[in-house]
Protein backbone atom coordinates (compact mmCIF):
# COMPACT_ATOMS: atom_id res chain seq x y z
CA UNK A 1 23.89 139.80 100.27
CA UNK A 2 22.65 140.77 103.73
CA UNK A 3 19.33 142.61 103.96
CA UNK A 4 19.18 145.85 105.97
CA UNK A 5 17.63 145.60 109.44
CA UNK A 6 14.20 147.13 110.09
CA UNK A 7 12.82 148.85 113.17
CA UNK A 8 9.55 147.93 114.89
CA UNK A 9 7.75 150.61 112.85
CA UNK A 10 9.21 149.22 109.60
CA UNK A 11 11.94 151.76 108.87
CA UNK A 12 15.06 150.41 107.19
CA UNK A 13 18.38 150.95 109.01
CA UNK A 14 21.31 151.12 106.63
CA UNK A 15 23.79 153.63 107.95
CA UNK A 16 27.53 153.75 108.51
CA UNK A 17 29.40 155.31 111.41
CA UNK A 18 30.54 158.91 110.90
CA UNK A 19 33.86 158.23 112.68
CA UNK A 20 35.08 154.84 111.44
CA UNK A 21 32.74 153.91 108.55
CA UNK A 22 31.59 150.56 109.99
CA UNK A 23 27.99 149.37 109.64
CA UNK A 24 25.60 150.42 112.39
CA UNK A 25 23.27 147.95 114.12
CA UNK A 26 20.07 148.45 116.12
CA UNK A 27 20.88 148.38 119.85
CA UNK A 28 17.52 149.44 121.35
CA UNK A 29 14.21 149.73 119.51
CA UNK A 30 11.22 150.96 121.51
CA UNK A 31 8.94 151.88 118.61
CA UNK A 32 9.13 155.68 118.74
CA UNK A 33 12.76 155.75 119.99
CA UNK A 34 15.63 153.90 118.40
CA UNK A 35 19.28 153.71 119.43
CA UNK A 36 21.83 152.57 116.85
CA UNK A 37 25.36 151.52 117.81
CA UNK A 38 28.56 151.13 115.83
CA UNK A 39 29.94 147.59 116.01
CA UNK A 40 33.59 148.74 115.97
CA UNK A 41 33.99 151.99 117.91
CA UNK A 42 30.78 151.89 120.00
CA UNK A 43 29.47 155.34 119.02
CA UNK A 44 25.70 155.63 119.55
CA UNK A 45 23.14 157.40 117.41
CA UNK A 46 19.63 158.16 118.71
CA UNK A 47 16.57 158.64 116.53
CA UNK A 48 13.02 159.63 117.45
CA UNK A 49 9.90 159.09 115.38
CA UNK A 50 7.68 162.18 114.99
CA UNK A 51 4.21 161.80 113.56
C-alpha cells in the first residue's frame, strides 16, 4: 500500500479530484503555500497555511 505524501510542514495530502476522482499529487510546495494537481485532468488546488 502506498503511503500518502506529506508537505514540507508535515501535513498529509490524501485527496481526490472533485471532477474525475483521481488521486491528487503535490505539484509545488513552498512551506506556507501548496499547489496540488490532478494526475489525469490537470485541475489545480491551492492551499495556504494560516498560523
